[in-house]
Amino acid sequence: MQNEINNAVMDNVKVRSQRPEIFPDLMTEEELIIFLRIPQISNSEDYHNVIENLKRMHGLPRIHICGKALYPREAIVEWIRTKTIAAK
């Protein structure tokens, strides 16, 4: 089951990486995984674990609507900016 999910995520990576403007203002966890390019940079077998770690350890911004976590694209971009280390 997890491999099927990861394969579906990878299929979406190919499409969305070519057209980043198609990410919605409020992203699902699957869209966030693609947005952050987790499949391309992580060796994790479960990309959702990577997101859980980012939420717990790094304050990944999110809101809950109807019991589901959604990730505001602008807040994620700002979060990335605050986490980015400037080169010296």
PDB file of N, CA and C in Angstrom:
ATOM      1  N   MET A   1       0.816  -1.193   0.000  1.00  0.00           N
ATOM      2  CA  MET A   1       0.000   0.000   0.000  1.00  0.00           C
ATOM      3  C   MET A   1       0.864   1.264   0.000  1.00  0.00           C
ATOM      4  N   GLN A   2       1.875   1.299   0.895  1.00  0.00           N
ATOM      5  CA  GLN A   2       2.734   2.481   0.963  1.00  0.00           C
ATOM      6  C   GLN A   2       3.487   2.681  -0.346  1.00  0.00           C
ATOM      7  N   ASN A   3       3.927   1.604  -0.973  1.00  0.00           N
ATOM      8  CA  ASN A   3       4.613   1.729  -2.266  1.00  0.00           C
ATOM      9  C   ASN A   3       3.695   2.314  -3.319  1.00  0.00           C
ATOM     10  N   GLU A   4       2.416   1.947  -3.291  1.00  0.00           N
ATOM     11  CA  GLU A   4       1.453   2.505  -4.240  1.00  0.00           C
ATOM     12  C   GLU A   4       1.308   4.009  -4.033  1.00  0.00           C
ATOM     13  N   ILE A   5       1.257   4.422  -2.771  1.00  0.00           N
ATOM     14  CA  ILE A   5       1.155   5.854  -2.470  1.00  0.00           C
ATOM     15  C   ILE A   5       2.406   6.577  -2.950  1.00  0.00           C
ATOM     16  N   ASN A   6       3.571   6.016  -2.643  1.00  0.00           N
ATOM     17  CA  ASN A   6       4.822   6.645  -3.072  1.00  0.00           C
ATOM     18  C   ASN A   6       4.917   6.710  -4.589  1.00  0.00           C
ATOM     19  N   ASN A   7       4.450   5.674  -5.290  1.00  0.00           N
ATOM     20  CA  ASN A   7       4.456   5.689  -6.752  1.00  0.00           C
ATOM     21  C   ASN A   7       3.528   6.774  -7.285  1.00  0.00           C
ATOM     22  N   ALA A   8       2.359   6.924  -6.662  1.00  0.00           N
ATOM     23  CA  ALA A   8       1.430   7.970  -7.082  1.00  0.00           C
ATOM     24  C   ALA A   8       2.034   9.347  -6.850  1.00  0.00           C
ATOM     25  N   VAL A   9       2.708   9.512  -5.733  1.00  0.00           N
ATOM     26  CA  VAL A   9       3.380  10.784  -5.442  1.00  0.00           C
ATOM     27  C   VAL A   9       4.426  11.067  -6.506  1.00  0.00           C
ATOM     28  N   MET A  10       5.222  10.068  -6.849  1.00  0.00           N
ATOM     29  CA  MET A  10       6.271  10.257  -7.859  1.00  0.00           C
ATOM     30  C   MET A  10       5.677  10.610  -9.219  1.00  0.00           C
ATOM     31  N   ASP A  11       4.537  10.019  -9.579  1.00  0.00           N
ATOM     32  CA  ASP A  11       3.878  10.368 -10.836  1.00  0.00           C
ATOM     33  C   ASP A  11       3.491  11.841 -10.839  1.00  0.00           C
ATOM     34  N   ASN A  12       2.984  12.324  -9.710  1.00  0.00           N
ATOM     35  CA  ASN A  12       2.615  13.733  -9.607  1.00  0.00           C
ATOM     36  C   ASN A  12       3.827  14.645  -9.612  1.00  0.00           C
ATOM     37  N   VAL A  13       4.947  14.175  -9.089  1.00  0.00           N
ATOM     38  CA  VAL A  13       6.172  14.975  -9.077  1.00  0.00           C
ATOM     39  C   VAL A  13       6.549  15.360 -10.494  1.00  0.00           C
ATOM     40  N   LYS A  14       6.467  14.411 -11.400  1.00  0.00           N
ATOM     41  CA  LYS A  14       6.858  14.665 -12.788  1.00  0.00           C
ATOM     42  C   LYS A  14       6.013  15.769 -13.401  1.00  0.00           C
ATOM     43  N   VAL A  15       4.710  15.745 -13.134  1.00  0.00           N
ATOM     44  CA  VAL A  15       3.812  16.749 -13.703  1.00  0.00           C
ATOM     45  C   VAL A  15       4.007  18.094 -13.020  1.00  0.00           C
ATOM     46  N   ARG A  16       3.988  18.112 -11.706  1.00  0.00           N
ATOM     47  CA  ARG A  16       4.023  19.373 -10.966  1.00  0.00           C
ATOM     48  C   ARG A  16       5.387  20.041 -10.998  1.00  0.00           C
ATOM     49  N   SER A  17       6.449  19.285 -11.113  1.00  0.00           N
ATOM     50  CA  SER A  17       7.766  19.911 -11.153  1.00  0.00           C
ATOM     51  C   SER A  17       7.950  20.706 -12.437  1.00  0.00           C
ATOM     52  N   GLN A  18       7.191  20.358 -13.443  1.00  0.00           N
ATOM     53  CA  GLN A  18       7.258  21.099 -14.697  1.00  0.00           C
ATOM     54  C   GLN A  18       6.366  22.341 -14.659  1.00  0.00           C
ATOM     55  N   ARG A  19       5.356  22.345 -13.765  1.00  0.00           N
ATOM     56  CA  ARG A  19       4.415  23.458 -13.677  1.00  0.00           C
ATOM     57  C   ARG A  19       4.144  23.805 -12.222  1.00  0.00           C
ATOM     58  N   PRO A  20       5.094  24.470 -11.540  1.00  0.00           N
ATOM     59  CA  PRO A  20       4.909  24.759 -10.114  1.00  0.00           C
ATOM     60  C   PRO A  20       3.726  25.663  -9.818  1.00  0.00           C
ATOM     61  N   GLU A  21       3.255  26.409 -10.801  1.00  0.00           N
ATOM     62  CA  GLU A  21       2.133  27.314 -10.571  1.00  0.00           C
ATOM     63  C   GLU A  21       0.825  26.574 -10.347  1.00  0.00           C
ATOM     64  N   ILE A  22       0.801  25.258 -10.561  1.00  0.00           N
ATOM     65  CA  ILE A  22      -0.451  24.528 -10.376  1.00  0.00           C
ATOM     66  C   ILE A  22      -0.687  24.113  -8.928  1.00  0.00           C
ATOM     67  N   PHE A  23       0.210  24.482  -8.021  1.00  0.00           N
ATOM     68  CA  PHE A  23      -0.020  24.181  -6.612  1.00  0.00           C
ATOM     69  C   PHE A  23      -1.078  25.136  -6.069  1.00  0.00           C
ATOM     70  N   PRO A  24      -2.080  24.600  -5.373  1.00  0.00           N
ATOM     71  CA  PRO A  24      -3.147  25.449  -4.838  1.00  0.00           C
ATOM     72  C   PRO A  24      -2.678  26.262  -3.630  1.00  0.00           C
ATOM     73  N   ASP A  25      -3.480  27.260  -3.260  1.00  0.00           N
ATOM     74  CA  ASP A  25      -3.155  28.085  -2.091  1.00  0.00           C
ATOM     75  C   ASP A  25      -3.136  27.260  -0.812  1.00  0.00           C
ATOM     76  N   LEU A  26      -4.016  26.273  -0.708  1.00  0.00           N
ATOM     77  CA  LEU A  26      -4.036  25.340   0.421  1.00  0.00           C
ATOM     78  C   LEU A  26      -3.711  23.956  -0.114  1.00  0.00           C
ATOM     79  N   MET A  27      -2.571  23.431   0.288  1.00  0.00           N
ATOM     80  CA  MET A  27      -2.117  22.139  -0.227  1.00  0.00           C
ATOM     81  C   MET A  27      -2.460  21.012   0.736  1.00  0.00           C
ATOM     82  N   THR A  28      -2.762  19.852   0.167  1.00  0.00           N
ATOM     83  CA  THR A  28      -2.898  18.640   0.965  1.00  0.00           C
ATOM     84  C   THR A  28      -1.497  18.147   1.311  1.00  0.00           C
ATOM     85  N   GLU A  29      -1.411  17.134   2.149  1.00  0.00           N
ATOM     86  CA  GLU A  29      -0.096  16.602   2.498  1.00  0.00           C
ATOM     87  C   GLU A  29       0.599  16.015   1.267  1.00  0.00           C
ATOM     88  N   GLU A  30      -0.157  15.354   0.405  1.00  0.00           N
ATOM     89  CA  GLU A  30       0.439  14.788  -0.807  1.00  0.00           C
ATOM     90  C   GLU A  30       0.998  15.887  -1.704  1.00  0.00           C
ATOM     91  N   GLU A  31       0.257  16.991  -1.843  1.00  0.00           N
ATOM     92  CA  GLU A  31       0.743  18.113  -2.645  1.00  0.00           C
ATOM     93  C   GLU A  31       1.972  18.750  -2.006  1.00  0.00           C
ATOM     94  N   LEU A  32       1.968  18.845  -0.683  1.00  0.00           N
ATOM     95  CA  LEU A  32       3.118  19.406   0.027  1.00  0.00           C
ATOM     96  C   LEU A  32       4.363  18.549  -0.178  1.00  0.00           C
ATOM     97  N   ILE A  33       4.193  17.241  -0.145  1.00  0.00           N
ATOM     98  CA  ILE A  33       5.318  16.329  -0.377  1.00  0.00           C
ATOM     99  C   ILE A  33       5.957  16.622  -1.727  1.00  0.00           C
ATOM    100  N   ILE A  34       5.137  16.854  -2.711  1.00  0.00           N
ATOM    101  CA  ILE A  34       5.643  17.161  -4.052  1.00  0.00           C
ATOM    102  C   ILE A  34       6.261  18.558  -4.068  1.00  0.00           C
ATOM    103  N   PHE A  35       5.564  19.524  -3.465  1.00  0.00           N
ATOM    104  CA  PHE A  35       6.034  20.908  -3.425  1.00  0.00           C
ATOM    105  C   PHE A  35       7.425  21.003  -2.804  1.00  0.00           C
ATOM    106  N   LEU A  36       7.648  20.258  -1.721  1.00  0.00           N
ATOM    107  CA  LEU A  36       8.945  20.281  -1.039  1.00  0.00           C
ATOM    108  C   LEU A  36       9.962  19.340  -1.679  1.00  0.00           C
ATOM    109  N   ARG A  37       9.552  18.612  -2.698  1.00  0.00           N
ATOM    110  CA  ARG A  37      10.413  17.693  -3.446  1.00  0.00           C
ATOM    111  C   ARG A  37      10.964  16.570  -2.560  1.00  0.00           C
ATOM    112  N   ILE A  38      10.168  16.137  -1.600  1.00  0.00           N
ATOM    113  CA  ILE A  38      10.582  15.092  -0.668  1.00  0.00           C
ATOM    114  C   ILE A  38      10.999  13.810  -1.392  1.00  0.00           C
ATOM    115  N   PRO A  39      10.258  13.346  -2.412  1.00  0.00           N
ATOM    116  CA  PRO A  39      10.681  12.105  -3.085  1.00  0.00           C
ATOM    117  C   PRO A  39      12.060  12.204  -3.728  1.00  0.00           C
ATOM    118  N   GLN A  40      12.453  13.405  -4.093  1.00  0.00           N
ATOM    119  CA  GLN A  40      13.736  13.588  -4.756  1.00  0.00           C
ATOM    120  C   GLN A  40      14.898  13.724  -3.779  1.00  0.00           C
ATOM    121  N   ILE A  41      14.605  14.093  -2.526  1.00  0.00           N
ATOM    122  CA  ILE A  41      15.701  14.354  -1.593  1.00  0.00           C
ATOM    123  C   ILE A  41      15.738  13.425  -0.390  1.00  0.00           C
ATOM    124  N   SER A  42      14.680  12.650  -0.180  1.00  0.00           N
ATOM    125  CA  SER A  42      14.602  11.811   1.016  1.00  0.00           C
ATOM    126  C   SER A  42      14.771  10.338   0.674  1.00  0.00           C
ATOM    127  N   ASN A  43      15.434   9.626   1.565  1.00  0.00           N
ATOM    128  CA  ASN A  43      15.554   8.175   1.434  1.00  0.00           C
ATOM    129  C   ASN A  43      14.480   7.448   2.226  1.00  0.00           C
ATOM    130  N   SER A  44      13.584   8.188   2.845  1.00  0.00           N
ATOM    131  CA  SER A  44      12.533   7.602   3.667  1.00  0.00           C
ATOM    132  C   SER A  44      11.621   6.720   2.823  1.00  0.00           C
ATOM    133  N   GLU A  45      11.175   5.632   3.412  1.00  0.00           N
ATOM    134  CA  GLU A  45      10.223   4.760   2.726  1.00  0.00           C
ATOM    135  C   GLU A  45       8.818   5.337   2.780  1.00  0.00           C
ATOM    136  N   ASP A  46       8.569   6.215   3.732  1.00  0.00           N
ATOM    137  CA  ASP A  46       7.250   6.822   3.889  1.00  0.00           C
ATOM    138  C   ASP A  46       7.419   8.337   3.969  1.00  0.00           C
ATOM    139  N   TYR A  47       7.044   9.019   2.905  1.00  0.00           N
ATOM    140  CA  TYR A  47       7.218  10.463   2.826  1.00  0.00           C
ATOM    141  C   TYR A  47       6.382  11.201   3.872  1.00  0.00           C
ATOM    142  N   HIS A  48       5.297  10.593   4.308  1.00  0.00           N
ATOM    143  CA  HIS A  48       4.463  11.221   5.331  1.00  0.00           C
ATOM    144  C   HIS A  48       5.213  11.325   6.660  1.00  0.00           C
ATOM    145  N   ASN A  49       6.123  10.391   6.913  1.00  0.00           N
ATOM    146  CA  ASN A  49       6.947  10.482   8.124  1.00  0.00           C
ATOM    147  C   ASN A  49       7.855  11.706   8.081  1.00  0.00           C
ATOM    148  N   VAL A  50       8.326  12.047   6.906  1.00  0.00           N
ATOM    149  CA  VAL A  50       9.164  13.243   6.749  1.00  0.00           C
ATOM    150  C   VAL A  50       8.355  14.481   7.121  1.00  0.00           C
ATOM    151  N   ILE A  51       7.113  14.547   6.637  1.00  0.00           N
ATOM    152  CA  ILE A  51       6.249  15.687   6.949  1.00  0.00           C
ATOM    153  C   ILE A  51       5.963  15.739   8.446  1.00  0.00           C
ATOM    154  N   GLU A  52       5.695  14.593   9.059  1.00  0.00           N
ATOM    155  CA  GLU A  52       5.457  14.551  10.510  1.00  0.00           C
ATOM    156  C   GLU A  52       6.657  15.097  11.274  1.00  0.00           C
ATOM    157  N   ASN A  53       7.842  14.731  10.841  1.00  0.00           N
ATOM    158  CA  ASN A  53       9.053  15.237  11.481  1.00  0.00           C
ATOM    159  C   ASN A  53       9.172  16.746  11.317  1.00  0.00           C
ATOM    160  N   LEU A  54       8.881  17.246  10.135  1.00  0.00           N
ATOM    161  CA  LEU A  54       8.955  18.693   9.899  1.00  0.00           C
ATOM    162  C   LEU A  54       7.948  19.439  10.771  1.00  0.00           C
ATOM    163  N   LYS A  55       6.778  18.852  10.973  1.00  0.00           N
ATOM    164  CA  LYS A  55       5.776  19.480  11.838  1.00  0.00           C
ATOM    165  C   LYS A  55       6.251  19.495  13.290  1.00  0.00           C
ATOM    166  N   ARG A  56       6.713  18.359  13.779  1.00  0.00           N
ATOM    167  CA  ARG A  56       7.104  18.232  15.190  1.00  0.00           C
ATOM    168  C   ARG A  56       8.380  18.990  15.519  1.00  0.00           C
ATOM    169  N   MET A  57       9.373  18.844  14.681  1.00  0.00           N
ATOM    170  CA  MET A  57      10.707  19.342  15.017  1.00  0.00           C
ATOM    171  C   MET A  57      11.034  20.718  14.429  1.00  0.00           C
ATOM    172  N   HIS A  58      10.307  21.118  13.393  1.00  0.00           N
ATOM    173  CA  HIS A  58      10.693  22.347  12.692  1.00  0.00           C
ATOM    174  C   HIS A  58       9.548  23.340  12.507  1.00  0.00           C
ATOM    175  N   GLY A  59       8.405  23.085  13.136  1.00  0.00           N
ATOM    176  CA  GLY A  59       7.310  24.052  13.104  1.00  0.00           C
ATOM    177  C   GLY A  59       6.689  24.277  11.742  1.00  0.00           C
ATOM    178  N   LEU A  60       6.563  23.232  10.956  1.00  0.00           N
ATOM    179  CA  LEU A  60       5.946  23.349   9.630  1.00  0.00           C
ATOM    180  C   LEU A  60       4.537  23.922   9.775  1.00  0.00           C
ATOM    181  N   PRO A  61       4.228  25.046   9.120  1.00  0.00           N
ATOM    182  CA  PRO A  61       2.916  25.676   9.288  1.00  0.00           C
ATOM    183  C   PRO A  61       1.798  24.880   8.624  1.00  0.00           C
ATOM    184  N   ARG A  62       0.640  24.874   9.298  1.00  0.00           N
ATOM    185  CA  ARG A  62      -0.517  24.162   8.775  1.00  0.00           C
ATOM    186  C   ARG A  62      -1.764  24.684   9.471  1.00  0.00           C
ATOM    187  N   ILE A  63      -2.893  24.413   8.860  1.00  0.00           N
ATOM    188  CA  ILE A  63      -4.181  24.685   9.484  1.00  0.00           C
ATOM    189  C   ILE A  63      -4.996  23.403   9.385  1.00  0.00           C
ATOM    190  N   HIS A  64      -5.987  23.290  10.239  1.00  0.00           N
ATOM    191  CA  HIS A  64      -6.863  22.124  10.198  1.00  0.00           C
ATOM    192  C   HIS A  64      -8.263  22.567   9.790  1.00  0.00           C
ATOM    193  N   ILE A  65      -8.784  21.916   8.779  1.00  0.00           N
ATOM    194  CA  ILE A  65     -10.148  22.150   8.321  1.00  0.00           C
ATOM    195  C   ILE A  65     -10.821  20.786   8.238  1.00  0.00           C
ATOM    196  N   CYS A  66     -11.941  20.659   8.915  1.00  0.00           N
ATOM    197  CA  CYS A  66     -12.687  19.386   8.946  1.00  0.00           C
ATOM    198  C   CYS A  66     -11.797  18.227   9.380  1.00  0.00           C
ATOM    199  N   GLY A  67     -10.917  18.493  10.318  1.00  0.00           N
ATOM    200  CA  GLY A  67     -10.056  17.443  10.848  1.00  0.00           C
ATOM    201  C   GLY A  67      -8.879  17.068   9.967  1.00  0.00           C
ATOM    202  N   LYS A  68      -8.687  17.773   8.873  1.00  0.00           N
ATOM    203  CA  LYS A  68      -7.575  17.489   7.957  1.00  0.00           C
ATOM    204  C   LYS A  68      -6.583  18.642   7.981  1.00  0.00           C
ATOM    205  N   ALA A  69      -5.307  18.296   8.006  1.00  0.00           N
ATOM    206  CA  ALA A  69      -4.266  19.321   7.937  1.00  0.00           C
ATOM    207  C   ALA A  69      -4.127  19.794   6.500  1.00  0.00           C
ATOM    208  N   LEU A  70      -4.118  21.102   6.328  1.00  0.00           N
ATOM    209  CA  LEU A  70      -3.848  21.718   5.033  1.00  0.00           C
ATOM    210  C   LEU A  70      -2.695  22.693   5.232  1.00  0.00           C
ATOM    211  N   TYR A  71      -1.947  22.897   4.175  1.00  0.00           N
ATOM    212  CA  TYR A  71      -0.705  23.656   4.252  1.00  0.00           C
ATOM    213  C   TYR A  71      -0.794  24.871   3.328  1.00  0.00           C
ATOM    214  N   PRO A  72      -0.928  26.089   3.904  1.00  0.00           N
ATOM    215  CA  PRO A  72      -1.001  27.297   3.078  1.00  0.00           C
ATOM    216  C   PRO A  72       0.320  27.512   2.330  1.00  0.00           C
ATOM    217  N   ARG A  73       0.227  27.594   1.027  1.00  0.00           N
ATOM    218  CA  ARG A  73       1.428  27.705   0.192  1.00  0.00           C
ATOM    219  C   ARG A  73       2.289  28.899   0.593  1.00  0.00           C
ATOM    220  N   GLU A  74       1.674  30.066   0.793  1.00  0.00           N
ATOM    221  CA  GLU A  74       2.457  31.256   1.150  1.00  0.00           C
ATOM    222  C   GLU A  74       3.150  31.084   2.495  1.00  0.00           C
ATOM    223  N   ALA A  75       2.482  30.454   3.452  1.00  0.00           N
ATOM    224  CA  ALA A  75       3.099  30.218   4.764  1.00  0.00           C
ATOM    225  C   ALA A  75       4.259  29.235   4.643  1.00  0.00           C
ATOM    226  N   ILE A  76       4.117  28.257   3.765  1.00  0.00           N
ATOM    227  CA  ILE A  76       5.196  27.287   3.551  1.00  0.00           C
ATOM    228  C   ILE A  76       6.399  27.985   2.920  1.00  0.00           C
ATOM    229  N   VAL A  77       6.149  28.843   1.942  1.00  0.00           N
ATOM    230  CA  VAL A  77       7.243  29.577   1.292  1.00  0.00           C
ATOM    231  C   VAL A  77       7.952  30.463   2.315  1.00  0.00           C
ATOM    232  N   GLU A  78       7.197  31.141   3.167  1.00  0.00           N
ATOM    233  CA  GLU A  78       7.803  31.979   4.210  1.00  0.00           C
ATOM    234  C   GLU A  78       8.577  31.120   5.207  1.00  0.00           C
ATOM    235  N   TRP A  79       8.040  29.964   5.573  1.00  0.00           N
ATOM    236  CA  TRP A  79       8.726  29.031   6.473  1.00  0.00           C
ATOM    237  C   TRP A  79      10.065  28.609   5.865  1.00  0.00           C
ATOM    238  N   ILE A  80      10.067  28.333   4.566  1.00  0.00           N
ATOM    239  CA  ILE A  80      11.312  27.964   3.878  1.00  0.00           C
ATOM    240  C   ILE A  80      12.309  29.115   3.972  1.00  0.00           C
ATOM    241  N   ARG A  81      11.830  30.334   3.756  1.00  0.00           N
ATOM    242  CA  ARG A  81      12.725  31.505   3.843  1.00  0.00           C
ATOM    243  C   ARG A  81      13.353  31.615   5.228  1.00  0.00           C
ATOM    244  N   THR A  82      12.559  31.380   6.274  1.00  0.00           N
ATOM    245  CA  THR A  82      13.104  31.502   7.632  1.00  0.00           C
ATOM    246  C   THR A  82      14.065  30.368   7.960  1.00  0.00           C
ATOM    247  N   LYS A  83      13.915  29.238   7.305  1.00  0.00           N
ATOM    248  CA  LYS A  83      14.787  28.089   7.555  1.00  0.00           C
ATOM    249  C   LYS A  83      16.044  28.111   6.687  1.00  0.00           C
ATOM    250  N   THR A  84      16.053  28.968   5.686  1.00  0.00           N
ATOM    251  CA  THR A  84      17.181  29.028   4.765  1.00  0.00           C
ATOM    252  C   THR A  84      18.368  29.699   5.444  1.00  0.00           C
ATOM    253  N   ILE A  85      19.500  29.054   5.357  1.00  0.00           N
ATOM    254  CA  ILE A  85      20.732  29.582   5.945  1.00  0.00           C
ATOM    255  C   ILE A  85      21.486  30.334   4.859  1.00  0.00           C
ATOM    256  N   ALA A  86      21.753  31.595   5.128  1.00  0.00           N
ATOM    257  CA  ALA A  86      22.471  32.406   4.146  1.00  0.00           C
ATOM    258  C   ALA A  86      23.929  31.958   4.078  1.00  0.00           C
ATOM    259  N   ALA A  87      24.444  31.918   2.862  1.00  0.00           N
ATOM    260  CA  ALA A  87      25.855  31.567   2.668  1.00  0.00           C
ATOM    261  C   ALA A  87      26.724  32.724   3.135  1.00  0.00           C
ATOM    262  N   LYS A  88      27.849  32.388   3.749  1.00  0.00           N
ATOM    263  CA  LYS A  88      28.762  33.435   4.236  1.00  0.00           C
ATOM    264  C   LYS A  88      29.886  33.653   3.257  1.00  0.00           C
TER     265      LYS A  88
END
